[in-house]
Amino acid sequence: MALTWGISTLDRQLVDGEHTDVVTVIHWNVTDSEVDGDNTYSGRCYGTVGLSAPDADSFTAYADISHDDAVEWAKSALGEEAVSQYEDSVASQIELSKNPVQSSGIPWT
């Protein structure tokens, strides 16, 4: 298993004082999967996180933002505890799909 953090999109303010294209919200997801024989079990969490206004010394132009930058910013804005909770949730989803504790359906066809 290898957790993967991804970015779906970045919301941005086109003009914000002296800066243009300022990222204000990051839409993120974290996924993982595990193959067991012929079965693949997956987990996923998705969310958004708002960013603080950039300071003049650390502003990165929209065109220069990398995927890794955006992931780092999202994780930083979420905080270590929330990042850990989301990653644990993905692992729990995989475990529950491998070993379900609930089911639904009808006994007839």
PDB file of N, CA and C in Angstrom:
ATOM      1  N   MET A   1       0.843  -1.172   0.000  1.00  0.00           N
ATOM      2  CA  MET A   1       0.000   0.000   0.000  1.00  0.00           C
ATOM      3  C   MET A   1       0.894   1.242   0.000  1.00  0.00           C
ATOM      4  N   ALA A   2       0.469   2.210  -0.756  1.00  0.00           N
ATOM      5  CA  ALA A   2       1.190   3.477  -0.806  1.00  0.00           C
ATOM      6  C   ALA A   2       0.188   4.611  -0.965  1.00  0.00           C
ATOM      7  N   LEU A   3       0.015   5.366   0.084  1.00  0.00           N
ATOM      8  CA  LEU A   3      -0.902   6.495   0.022  1.00  0.00           C
ATOM      9  C   LEU A   3      -0.439   7.490  -1.028  1.00  0.00           C
ATOM     10  N   THR A   4      -1.402   8.004  -1.782  1.00  0.00           N
ATOM     11  CA  THR A   4      -1.100   8.995  -2.804  1.00  0.00           C
ATOM     12  C   THR A   4      -1.969  10.218  -2.579  1.00  0.00           C
ATOM     13  N   TRP A   5      -1.335  11.364  -2.410  1.00  0.00           N
ATOM     14  CA  TRP A   5      -2.049  12.625  -2.295  1.00  0.00           C
ATOM     15  C   TRP A   5      -2.131  13.249  -3.675  1.00  0.00           C
ATOM     16  N   GLY A   6      -3.330  13.722  -4.030  1.00  0.00           N
ATOM     17  CA  GLY A   6      -3.532  14.354  -5.319  1.00  0.00           C
ATOM     18  C   GLY A   6      -4.275  15.666  -5.173  1.00  0.00           C
ATOM     19  N   ILE A   7      -4.204  16.448  -6.220  1.00  0.00           N
ATOM     20  CA  ILE A   7      -4.903  17.731  -6.260  1.00  0.00           C
ATOM     21  C   ILE A   7      -5.872  17.695  -7.422  1.00  0.00           C
ATOM     22  N   SER A   8      -7.149  17.953  -7.149  1.00  0.00           N
ATOM     23  CA  SER A   8      -8.176  17.953  -8.185  1.00  0.00           C
ATOM     24  C   SER A   8      -8.231  19.286  -8.917  1.00  0.00           C
ATOM     25  N   THR A   9      -8.192  20.364  -8.149  1.00  0.00           N
ATOM     26  CA  THR A   9      -8.216  21.698  -8.747  1.00  0.00           C
ATOM     27  C   THR A   9      -7.793  22.722  -7.710  1.00  0.00           C
ATOM     28  N   LEU A  10      -7.456  23.891  -8.195  1.00  0.00           N
ATOM     29  CA  LEU A  10      -7.100  25.018  -7.340  1.00  0.00           C
ATOM     30  C   LEU A  10      -8.049  26.164  -7.656  1.00  0.00           C
ATOM     31  N   ASP A  11      -8.709  26.700  -6.626  1.00  0.00           N
ATOM     32  CA  ASP A  11      -9.518  27.902  -6.804  1.00  0.00           C
ATOM     33  C   ASP A  11      -8.599  29.092  -6.583  1.00  0.00           C
ATOM     34  N   ARG A  12      -8.782  30.136  -7.399  1.00  0.00           N
ATOM     35  CA  ARG A  12      -7.894  31.274  -7.245  1.00  0.00           C
ATOM     36  C   ARG A  12      -8.628  32.592  -7.442  1.00  0.00           C
ATOM     37  N   GLN A  13      -8.095  33.594  -6.795  1.00  0.00           N
ATOM     38  CA  GLN A  13      -8.553  34.967  -6.944  1.00  0.00           C
ATOM     39  C   GLN A  13      -7.724  35.569  -8.083  1.00  0.00           C
ATOM     40  N   LEU A  14      -8.403  36.048  -9.126  1.00  0.00           N
ATOM     41  CA  LEU A  14      -7.672  36.534 -10.298  1.00  0.00           C
ATOM     42  C   LEU A  14      -6.850  37.783 -10.006  1.00  0.00           C
ATOM     43  N   VAL A  15      -7.381  38.680  -9.183  1.00  0.00           N
ATOM     44  CA  VAL A  15      -6.633  39.863  -8.768  1.00  0.00           C
ATOM     45  C   VAL A  15      -6.823  40.006  -7.262  1.00  0.00           C
ATOM     46  N   ASP A  16      -5.708  40.112  -6.545  1.00  0.00           N
ATOM     47  CA  ASP A  16      -5.750  40.241  -5.093  1.00  0.00           C
ATOM     48  C   ASP A  16      -4.661  41.225  -4.686  1.00  0.00           C
ATOM     49  N   GLY A  17      -5.032  42.495  -4.635  1.00  0.00           N
ATOM     50  CA  GLY A  17      -4.039  43.522  -4.310  1.00  0.00           C
ATOM     51  C   GLY A  17      -2.962  43.577  -5.370  1.00  0.00           C
ATOM     52  N   GLU A  18      -1.721  43.403  -4.942  1.00  0.00           N
ATOM     53  CA  GLU A  18      -0.603  43.482  -5.880  1.00  0.00           C
ATOM     54  C   GLU A  18      -0.336  42.174  -6.619  1.00  0.00           C
ATOM     55  N   HIS A  19      -1.028  41.104  -6.248  1.00  0.00           N
ATOM     56  CA  HIS A  19      -0.811  39.794  -6.866  1.00  0.00           C
ATOM     57  C   HIS A  19      -1.973  39.431  -7.787  1.00  0.00           C
ATOM     58  N   THR A  20      -1.683  38.580  -8.752  1.00  0.00           N
ATOM     59  CA  THR A  20      -2.727  38.011  -9.602  1.00  0.00           C
ATOM     60  C   THR A  20      -2.668  36.499  -9.478  1.00  0.00           C
ATOM     61  N   ASP A  21      -3.806  35.849  -9.762  1.00  0.00           N
ATOM     62  CA  ASP A  21      -3.899  34.385  -9.708  1.00  0.00           C
ATOM     63  C   ASP A  21      -3.434  33.832  -8.367  1.00  0.00           C
ATOM     64  N   VAL A  22      -4.062  34.297  -7.296  1.00  0.00           N
ATOM     65  CA  VAL A  22      -3.714  33.875  -5.937  1.00  0.00           C
ATOM     66  C   VAL A  22      -4.576  32.673  -5.558  1.00  0.00           C
ATOM     67  N   VAL A  23      -3.956  31.541  -5.273  1.00  0.00           N
ATOM     68  CA  VAL A  23      -4.685  30.341  -4.885  1.00  0.00           C
ATOM     69  C   VAL A  23      -5.298  30.554  -3.502  1.00  0.00           C
ATOM     70  N   THR A  24      -6.606  30.306  -3.425  1.00  0.00           N
ATOM     71  CA  THR A  24      -7.328  30.512  -2.170  1.00  0.00           C
ATOM     72  C   THR A  24      -7.851  29.212  -1.575  1.00  0.00           C
ATOM     73  N   VAL A  25      -8.138  28.214  -2.423  1.00  0.00           N
ATOM     74  CA  VAL A  25      -8.688  26.938  -1.962  1.00  0.00           C
ATOM     75  C   VAL A  25      -8.054  25.807  -2.770  1.00  0.00           C
ATOM     76  N   ILE A  26      -7.676  24.757  -2.063  1.00  0.00           N
ATOM     77  CA  ILE A  26      -7.133  23.559  -2.707  1.00  0.00           C
ATOM     78  C   ILE A  26      -8.129  22.419  -2.529  1.00  0.00           C
ATOM     79  N   HIS A  27      -8.487  21.772  -3.634  1.00  0.00           N
ATOM     80  CA  HIS A  27      -9.330  20.577  -3.622  1.00  0.00           C
ATOM     81  C   HIS A  27      -8.377  19.389  -3.701  1.00  0.00           C
ATOM     82  N   TRP A  28      -8.338  18.595  -2.651  1.00  0.00           N
ATOM     83  CA  TRP A  28      -7.348  17.521  -2.535  1.00  0.00           C
ATOM     84  C   TRP A  28      -8.039  16.171  -2.425  1.00  0.00           C
ATOM     85  N   ASN A  29      -7.272  15.118  -2.631  1.00  0.00           N
ATOM     86  CA  ASN A  29      -7.742  13.758  -2.364  1.00  0.00           C
ATOM     87  C   ASN A  29      -6.550  12.914  -1.963  1.00  0.00           C
ATOM     88  N   VAL A  30      -6.829  11.905  -1.178  1.00  0.00           N
ATOM     89  CA  VAL A  30      -5.806  10.935  -0.796  1.00  0.00           C
ATOM     90  C   VAL A  30      -6.392   9.550  -1.064  1.00  0.00           C
ATOM     91  N   THR A  31      -5.619   8.716  -1.735  1.00  0.00           N
ATOM     92  CA  THR A  31      -6.095   7.399  -2.147  1.00  0.00           C
ATOM     93  C   THR A  31      -5.053   6.337  -1.839  1.00  0.00           C
ATOM     94  N   ASP A  32      -5.516   5.123  -1.831  1.00  0.00           N
ATOM     95  CA  ASP A  32      -4.642   3.972  -1.700  1.00  0.00           C
ATOM     96  C   ASP A  32      -5.416   2.758  -2.173  1.00  0.00           C
ATOM     97  N   SER A  33      -4.706   1.721  -2.511  1.00  0.00           N
ATOM     98  CA  SER A  33      -5.359   0.460  -2.882  1.00  0.00           C
ATOM     99  C   SER A  33      -4.451  -0.697  -2.512  1.00  0.00           C
ATOM    100  N   GLU A  34      -5.070  -1.852  -2.407  1.00  0.00           N
ATOM    101  CA  GLU A  34      -4.347  -3.069  -2.058  1.00  0.00           C
ATOM    102  C   GLU A  34      -4.888  -4.206  -2.911  1.00  0.00           C
ATOM    103  N   VAL A  35      -3.985  -4.935  -3.531  1.00  0.00           N
ATOM    104  CA  VAL A  35      -4.370  -6.082  -4.346  1.00  0.00           C
ATOM    105  C   VAL A  35      -4.205  -7.333  -3.501  1.00  0.00           C
ATOM    106  N   ASP A  36      -5.258  -8.156  -3.475  1.00  0.00           N
ATOM    107  CA  ASP A  36      -5.233  -9.429  -2.751  1.00  0.00           C
ATOM    108  C   ASP A  36      -5.804 -10.477  -3.696  1.00  0.00           C
ATOM    109  N   GLY A  37      -4.943 -11.233  -4.309  1.00  0.00           N
ATOM    110  CA  GLY A  37      -5.388 -12.214  -5.299  1.00  0.00           C
ATOM    111  C   GLY A  37      -5.967 -11.498  -6.501  1.00  0.00           C
ATOM    112  N   ASP A  38      -7.219 -11.834  -6.845  1.00  0.00           N
ATOM    113  CA  ASP A  38      -7.892 -11.212  -7.983  1.00  0.00           C
ATOM    114  C   ASP A  38      -8.651  -9.943  -7.586  1.00  0.00           C
ATOM    115  N   ASN A  39      -8.614  -9.592  -6.324  1.00  0.00           N
ATOM    116  CA  ASN A  39      -9.399  -8.448  -5.832  1.00  0.00           C
ATOM    117  C   ASN A  39      -8.515  -7.239  -5.555  1.00  0.00           C
ATOM    118  N   THR A  40      -9.041  -6.074  -5.886  1.00  0.00           N
ATOM    119  CA  THR A  40      -8.385  -4.814  -5.550  1.00  0.00           C
ATOM    120  C   THR A  40      -9.300  -4.048  -4.612  1.00  0.00           C
ATOM    121  N   TYR A  41      -8.766  -3.653  -3.480  1.00  0.00           N
ATOM    122  CA  TYR A  41      -9.525  -2.919  -2.471  1.00  0.00           C
ATOM    123  C   TYR A  41      -8.974  -1.499  -2.431  1.00  0.00           C
ATOM    124  N   SER A  42      -9.886  -0.517  -2.429  1.00  0.00           N
ATOM    125  CA  SER A  42      -9.468   0.875  -2.502  1.00  0.00           C
ATOM    126  C   SER A  42     -10.110   1.711  -1.408  1.00  0.00           C
ATOM    127  N   GLY A  43      -9.438   2.815  -1.095  1.00  0.00           N
ATOM    128  CA  GLY A  43      -9.974   3.802  -0.166  1.00  0.00           C
ATOM    129  C   GLY A  43      -9.661   5.187  -0.691  1.00  0.00           C
ATOM    130  N   ARG A  44     -10.519   6.152  -0.332  1.00  0.00           N
ATOM    131  CA  ARG A  44     -10.321   7.511  -0.825  1.00  0.00           C
ATOM    132  C   ARG A  44     -10.973   8.506   0.120  1.00  0.00           C
ATOM    133  N   CYS A  45     -10.294   9.612   0.344  1.00  0.00           N
ATOM    134  CA  CYS A  45     -10.870  10.767   1.030  1.00  0.00           C
ATOM    135  C   CYS A  45     -10.665  11.969   0.134  1.00  0.00           C
ATOM    136  N   TYR A  46     -11.631  12.883   0.154  1.00  0.00           N
ATOM    137  CA  TYR A  46     -11.592  14.080  -0.670  1.00  0.00           C
ATOM    138  C   TYR A  46     -12.041  15.251   0.173  1.00  0.00           C
ATOM    139  N   GLY A  47     -11.458  16.393  -0.077  1.00  0.00           N
ATOM    140  CA  GLY A  47     -11.892  17.575   0.647  1.00  0.00           C
ATOM    141  C   GLY A  47     -11.313  18.840   0.059  1.00  0.00           C
ATOM    142  N   THR A  48     -11.616  19.931   0.727  1.00  0.00           N
ATOM    143  CA  THR A  48     -11.063  21.223   0.343  1.00  0.00           C
ATOM    144  C   THR A  48     -10.468  21.876   1.571  1.00  0.00           C
ATOM    145  N   VAL A  49      -9.513  22.750   1.329  1.00  0.00           N
ATOM    146  CA  VAL A  49      -8.931  23.506   2.429  1.00  0.00           C
ATOM    147  C   VAL A  49      -8.594  24.902   1.913  1.00  0.00           C
ATOM    148  N   GLY A  50      -8.962  25.890   2.712  1.00  0.00           N
ATOM    149  CA  GLY A  50      -8.666  27.271   2.369  1.00  0.00           C
ATOM    150  C   GLY A  50      -7.253  27.642   2.779  1.00  0.00           C
ATOM    151  N   LEU A  51      -6.670  28.544   2.027  1.00  0.00           N
ATOM    152  CA  LEU A  51      -5.316  29.002   2.316  1.00  0.00           C
ATOM    153  C   LEU A  51      -5.346  30.424   2.855  1.00  0.00           C
ATOM    154  N   SER A  52      -4.386  30.724   3.692  1.00  0.00           N
ATOM    155  CA  SER A  52      -4.214  32.095   4.163  1.00  0.00           C
ATOM    156  C   SER A  52      -3.671  32.935   3.019  1.00  0.00           C
ATOM    157  N   ALA A  53      -3.848  34.225   3.135  1.00  0.00           N
ATOM    158  CA  ALA A  53      -3.303  35.130   2.120  1.00  0.00           C
ATOM    159  C   ALA A  53      -1.782  34.991   2.101  1.00  0.00           C
ATOM    160  N   PRO A  54      -1.198  34.979   0.925  1.00  0.00           N
ATOM    161  CA  PRO A  54       0.254  34.819   0.848  1.00  0.00           C
ATOM    162  C   PRO A  54       0.967  36.078   1.323  1.00  0.00           C
ATOM    163  N   ASP A  55       2.152  35.896   1.893  1.00  0.00           N
ATOM    164  CA  ASP A  55       2.933  37.086   2.207  1.00  0.00           C
ATOM    165  C   ASP A  55       3.839  37.382   1.004  1.00  0.00           C
ATOM    166  N   ALA A  56       4.264  38.581   0.903  1.00  0.00           N
ATOM    167  CA  ALA A  56       5.007  39.033  -0.277  1.00  0.00           C
ATOM    168  C   ALA A  56       6.281  38.224  -0.506  1.00  0.00           C
ATOM    169  N   ASP A  57       6.905  37.739   0.562  1.00  0.00           N
ATOM    170  CA  ASP A  57       8.173  37.016   0.435  1.00  0.00           C
ATOM    171  C   ASP A  57       8.013  35.579  -0.036  1.00  0.00           C
ATOM    172  N   SER A  58       6.816  34.997   0.121  1.00  0.00           N
ATOM    173  CA  SER A  58       6.654  33.585  -0.214  1.00  0.00           C
ATOM    174  C   SER A  58       5.636  33.335  -1.322  1.00  0.00           C
ATOM    175  N   PHE A  59       5.200  34.383  -2.005  1.00  0.00           N
ATOM    176  CA  PHE A  59       4.197  34.221  -3.050  1.00  0.00           C
ATOM    177  C   PHE A  59       4.770  33.433  -4.223  1.00  0.00           C
ATOM    178  N   THR A  60       3.996  32.447  -4.676  1.00  0.00           N
ATOM    179  CA  THR A  60       4.360  31.676  -5.860  1.00  0.00           C
ATOM    180  C   THR A  60       3.323  31.949  -6.931  1.00  0.00           C
ATOM    181  N   ALA A  61       3.785  32.383  -8.088  1.00  0.00           N
ATOM    182  CA  ALA A  61       2.877  32.661  -9.191  1.00  0.00           C
ATOM    183  C   ALA A  61       2.145  31.378  -9.579  1.00  0.00           C
ATOM    184  N   TYR A  62       0.869  31.523  -9.928  1.00  0.00           N
ATOM    185  CA  TYR A  62       0.027  30.379 -10.273  1.00  0.00           C
ATOM    186  C   TYR A  62       0.706  29.465 -11.296  1.00  0.00           C
ATOM    187  N   ALA A  63       1.264  30.040 -12.334  1.00  0.00           N
ATOM    188  CA  ALA A  63       1.895  29.254 -13.404  1.00  0.00           C
ATOM    189  C   ALA A  63       3.112  28.479 -12.914  1.00  0.00           C
ATOM    190  N   ASP A  64       3.665  28.865 -11.762  1.00  0.00           N
ATOM    191  CA  ASP A  64       4.869  28.215 -11.235  1.00  0.00           C
ATOM    192  C   ASP A  64       4.589  27.196 -10.143  1.00  0.00           C
ATOM    193  N   ILE A  65       3.316  27.017  -9.785  1.00  0.00           N
ATOM    194  CA  ILE A  65       2.962  26.072  -8.722  1.00  0.00           C
ATOM    195  C   ILE A  65       3.073  24.652  -9.264  1.00  0.00           C
ATOM    196  N   SER A  66       3.774  23.803  -8.534  1.00  0.00           N
ATOM    197  CA  SER A  66       3.873  22.387  -8.910  1.00  0.00           C
ATOM    198  C   SER A  66       2.858  21.575  -8.110  1.00  0.00           C
ATOM    199  N   HIS A  67       2.628  20.364  -8.575  1.00  0.00           N
ATOM    200  CA  HIS A  67       1.761  19.438  -7.840  1.00  0.00           C
ATOM    201  C   HIS A  67       2.273  19.266  -6.416  1.00  0.00           C
ATOM    202  N   ASP A  68       3.582  19.067  -6.280  1.00  0.00           N
ATOM    203  CA  ASP A  68       4.170  18.878  -4.953  1.00  0.00           C
ATOM    204  C   ASP A  68       3.962  20.103  -4.065  1.00  0.00           C
ATOM    205  N   ASP A  69       4.074  21.309  -4.643  1.00  0.00           N
ATOM    206  CA  ASP A  69       3.802  22.528  -3.868  1.00  0.00           C
ATOM    207  C   ASP A  69       2.382  22.494  -3.316  1.00  0.00           C
ATOM    208  N   ALA A  70       1.419  22.199  -4.198  1.00  0.00           N
ATOM    209  CA  ALA A  70       0.008  22.220  -3.798  1.00  0.00           C
ATOM    210  C   ALA A  70      -0.283  21.173  -2.731  1.00  0.00           C
ATOM    211  N   VAL A  71       0.293  19.980  -2.861  1.00  0.00           N
ATOM    212  CA  VAL A  71       0.106  18.945  -1.846  1.00  0.00           C
ATOM    213  C   VAL A  71       0.691  19.405  -0.511  1.00  0.00           C
ATOM    214  N   GLU A  72       1.877  19.977  -0.555  1.00  0.00           N
ATOM    215  CA  GLU A  72       2.522  20.471   0.668  1.00  0.00           C
ATOM    216  C   GLU A  72       1.674  21.560   1.329  1.00  0.00           C
ATOM    217  N   TRP A  73       1.144  22.475   0.524  1.00  0.00           N
ATOM    218  CA  TRP A  73       0.305  23.546   1.070  1.00  0.00           C
ATOM    219  C   TRP A  73      -0.973  22.990   1.666  1.00  0.00           C
ATOM    220  N   ALA A  74      -1.589  22.030   0.987  1.00  0.00           N
ATOM    221  CA  ALA A  74      -2.831  21.435   1.503  1.00  0.00           C
ATOM    222  C   ALA A  74      -2.578  20.742   2.835  1.00  0.00           C
ATOM    223  N   LYS A  75      -1.528  19.931   2.892  1.00  0.00           N
ATOM    224  CA  LYS A  75      -1.219  19.226   4.133  1.00  0.00           C
ATOM    225  C   LYS A  75      -0.896  20.203   5.256  1.00  0.00           C
ATOM    226  N   SER A  76      -0.162  21.235   4.949  1.00  0.00           N
ATOM    227  CA  SER A  76       0.184  22.235   5.955  1.00  0.00           C
ATOM    228  C   SER A  76      -1.066  22.938   6.472  1.00  0.00           C
ATOM    229  N   ALA A  77      -1.971  23.305   5.562  1.00  0.00           N
ATOM    230  CA  ALA A  77      -3.208  23.984   5.968  1.00  0.00           C
ATOM    231  C   ALA A  77      -4.108  23.062   6.780  1.00  0.00           C
ATOM    232  N   LEU A  78      -4.117  21.771   6.444  1.00  0.00           N
ATOM    233  CA  LEU A  78      -4.934  20.808   7.194  1.00  0.00           C
ATOM    234  C   LEU A  78      -4.363  20.549   8.578  1.00  0.00           C
ATOM    235  N   GLY A  79      -3.061  20.481   8.686  1.00  0.00           N
ATOM    236  CA  GLY A  79      -2.390  20.168   9.945  1.00  0.00           C
ATOM    237  C   GLY A  79      -2.090  18.683  10.049  1.00  0.00           C
ATOM    238  N   GLU A  80      -1.056  18.350  10.795  1.00  0.00           N
ATOM    239  CA  GLU A  80      -0.587  16.967  10.909  1.00  0.00           C
ATOM    240  C   GLU A  80      -1.660  16.013  11.418  1.00  0.00           C
ATOM    241  N   GLU A  81      -2.439  16.463  12.393  1.00  0.00           N
ATOM    242  CA  GLU A  81      -3.452  15.582  12.982  1.00  0.00           C
ATOM    243  C   GLU A  81      -4.524  15.217  11.948  1.00  0.00           C
ATOM    244  N   ALA A  82      -5.017  16.208  11.209  1.00  0.00           N
ATOM    245  CA  ALA A  82      -6.043  15.936  10.201  1.00  0.00           C
ATOM    246  C   ALA A  82      -5.477  15.070   9.072  1.00  0.00           C
ATOM    247  N   VAL A  83      -4.251  15.348   8.644  1.00  0.00           N
ATOM    248  CA  VAL A  83      -3.619  14.533   7.596  1.00  0.00           C
ATOM    249  C   VAL A  83      -3.565  13.081   8.041  1.00  0.00           C
ATOM    250  N   SER A  84      -3.149  12.863   9.265  1.00  0.00           N
ATOM    251  CA  SER A  84      -3.075  11.503   9.806  1.00  0.00           C
ATOM    252  C   SER A  84      -4.454  10.856   9.861  1.00  0.00           C
ATOM    253  N   GLN A  85      -5.476  11.605  10.255  1.00  0.00           N
ATOM    254  CA  GLN A  85      -6.837  11.063  10.322  1.00  0.00           C
ATOM    255  C   GLN A  85      -7.345  10.667   8.940  1.00  0.00           C
ATOM    256  N   TYR A  86      -7.088  11.490   7.929  1.00  0.00           N
ATOM    257  CA  TYR A  86      -7.522  11.152   6.565  1.00  0.00           C
ATOM    258  C   TYR A  86      -6.791   9.916   6.049  1.00  0.00           C
ATOM    259  N   GLU A  87      -5.502   9.840   6.306  1.00  0.00           N
ATOM    260  CA  GLU A  87      -4.737   8.677   5.863  1.00  0.00           C
ATOM    261  C   GLU A  87      -5.207   7.414   6.579  1.00  0.00           C
ATOM    262  N   ASP A  88      -5.497   7.520   7.872  1.00  0.00           N
ATOM    263  CA  ASP A  88      -6.035   6.380   8.625  1.00  0.00           C
ATOM    264  C   ASP A  88      -7.403   5.971   8.095  1.00  0.00           C
ATOM    265  N   SER A  89      -8.222   6.942   7.695  1.00  0.00           N
ATOM    266  CA  SER A  89      -9.538   6.647   7.144  1.00  0.00           C
ATOM    267  C   SER A  89      -9.424   5.838   5.854  1.00  0.00           C
ATOM    268  N   VAL A  90      -8.478   6.183   5.003  1.00  0.00           N
ATOM    269  CA  VAL A  90      -8.274   5.439   3.760  1.00  0.00           C
ATOM    270  C   VAL A  90      -7.895   3.989   4.085  1.00  0.00           C
ATOM    271  N   ALA A  91      -6.985   3.802   5.033  1.00  0.00           N
ATOM    272  CA  ALA A  91      -6.580   2.452   5.434  1.00  0.00           C
ATOM    273  C   ALA A  91      -7.767   1.683   6.012  1.00  0.00           C
ATOM    274  N   SER A  92      -8.613   2.358   6.791  1.00  0.00           N
ATOM    275  CA  SER A  92      -9.794   1.707   7.365  1.00  0.00           C
ATOM    276  C   SER A  92     -10.792   1.309   6.284  1.00  0.00           C
ATOM    277  N   GLN A  93     -10.963   2.147   5.275  1.00  0.00           N
ATOM    278  CA  GLN A  93     -11.861   1.818   4.170  1.00  0.00           C
ATOM    279  C   GLN A  93     -11.401   0.537   3.465  1.00  0.00           C
ATOM    280  N   ILE A  94     -10.107   0.436   3.255  1.00  0.00           N
ATOM    281  CA  ILE A  94      -9.561  -0.755   2.603  1.00  0.00           C
ATOM    282  C   ILE A  94      -9.799  -1.982   3.473  1.00  0.00           C
ATOM    283  N   GLU A  95      -9.524  -1.862   4.758  1.00  0.00           N
ATOM    284  CA  GLU A  95      -9.707  -2.992   5.670  1.00  0.00           C
ATOM    285  C   GLU A  95     -11.174  -3.419   5.727  1.00  0.00           C
ATOM    286  N   LEU A  96     -12.094  -2.443   5.770  1.00  0.00           N
ATOM    287  CA  LEU A  96     -13.520  -2.779   5.816  1.00  0.00           C
ATOM    288  C   LEU A  96     -14.010  -3.403   4.513  1.00  0.00           C
ATOM    289  N   SER A  97     -13.429  -3.007   3.390  1.00  0.00           N
ATOM    290  CA  SER A  97     -13.855  -3.634   2.134  1.00  0.00           C
ATOM    291  C   SER A  97     -13.325  -5.063   2.042  1.00  0.00           C
ATOM    292  N   LYS A  98     -12.186  -5.325   2.665  1.00  0.00           N
ATOM    293  CA  LYS A  98     -11.644  -6.691   2.699  1.00  0.00           C
ATOM    294  C   LYS A  98     -12.388  -7.564   3.704  1.00  0.00           C
ATOM    295  N   ASN A  99     -12.796  -6.978   4.800  1.00  0.00           N
ATOM    296  CA  ASN A  99     -13.451  -7.699   5.891  1.00  0.00           C
ATOM    297  C   ASN A  99     -14.705  -6.941   6.333  1.00  0.00           C
ATOM    298  N   PRO A 100     -15.769  -6.989   5.516  1.00  0.00           N
ATOM    299  CA  PRO A 100     -16.965  -6.196   5.824  1.00  0.00           C
ATOM    300  C   PRO A 100     -17.642  -6.652   7.113  1.00  0.00           C
ATOM    301  N   VAL A 101     -18.242  -5.672   7.778  1.00  0.00           N
ATOM    302  CA  VAL A 101     -18.989  -5.956   9.002  1.00  0.00           C
ATOM    303  C   VAL A 101     -20.478  -5.714   8.804  1.00  0.00           C
ATOM    304  N   GLN A 102     -20.860  -5.163   7.654  1.00  0.00           N
ATOM    305  CA  GLN A 102     -22.262  -4.916   7.322  1.00  0.00           C
ATOM    306  C   GLN A 102     -22.497  -5.308   5.878  1.00  0.00           C
ATOM    307  N   SER A 103     -23.738  -5.572   5.581  1.00  0.00           N
ATOM    308  CA  SER A 103     -24.131  -5.902   4.222  1.00  0.00           C
ATOM    309  C   SER A 103     -25.590  -5.502   4.033  1.00  0.00           C
ATOM    310  N   SER A 104     -26.028  -5.447   2.794  1.00  0.00           N
ATOM    311  CA  SER A 104     -27.433  -5.180   2.510  1.00  0.00           C
ATOM    312  C   SER A 104     -27.838  -6.011   1.309  1.00  0.00           C
ATOM    313  N   GLY A 105     -29.110  -6.128   1.113  1.00  0.00           N
ATOM    314  CA  GLY A 105     -29.620  -6.894  -0.006  1.00  0.00           C
ATOM    315  C   GLY A 105     -30.936  -7.540   0.348  1.00  0.00           C
ATOM    316  N   ILE A 106     -31.379  -8.449  -0.495  1.00  0.00           N
ATOM    317  CA  ILE A 106     -32.586  -9.226  -0.239  1.00  0.00           C
ATOM    318  C   ILE A 106     -32.257 -10.692  -0.470  1.00  0.00           C
ATOM    319  N   PRO A 107     -32.905 -11.600   0.265  1.00  0.00           N
ATOM    320  CA  PRO A 107     -32.539 -13.017   0.168  1.00  0.00           C
ATOM    321  C   PRO A 107     -33.150 -13.733  -1.026  1.00  0.00           C
ATOM    322  N   TRP A 108     -33.944 -13.067  -1.839  1.00  0.00           N
ATOM    323  CA  TRP A 108     -34.549 -13.718  -2.991  1.00  0.00           C
ATOM    324  C   TRP A 108     -34.114 -12.987  -4.256  1.00  0.00           C
ATOM    325  N   THR A 109     -34.300 -13.625  -5.370  1.00  0.00           N
ATOM    326  CA  THR A 109     -33.951 -12.989  -6.634  1.00  0.00           C
ATOM    327  C   THR A 109     -35.166 -12.669  -7.464  1.00  0.00           C
TER     328      THR A 109
END
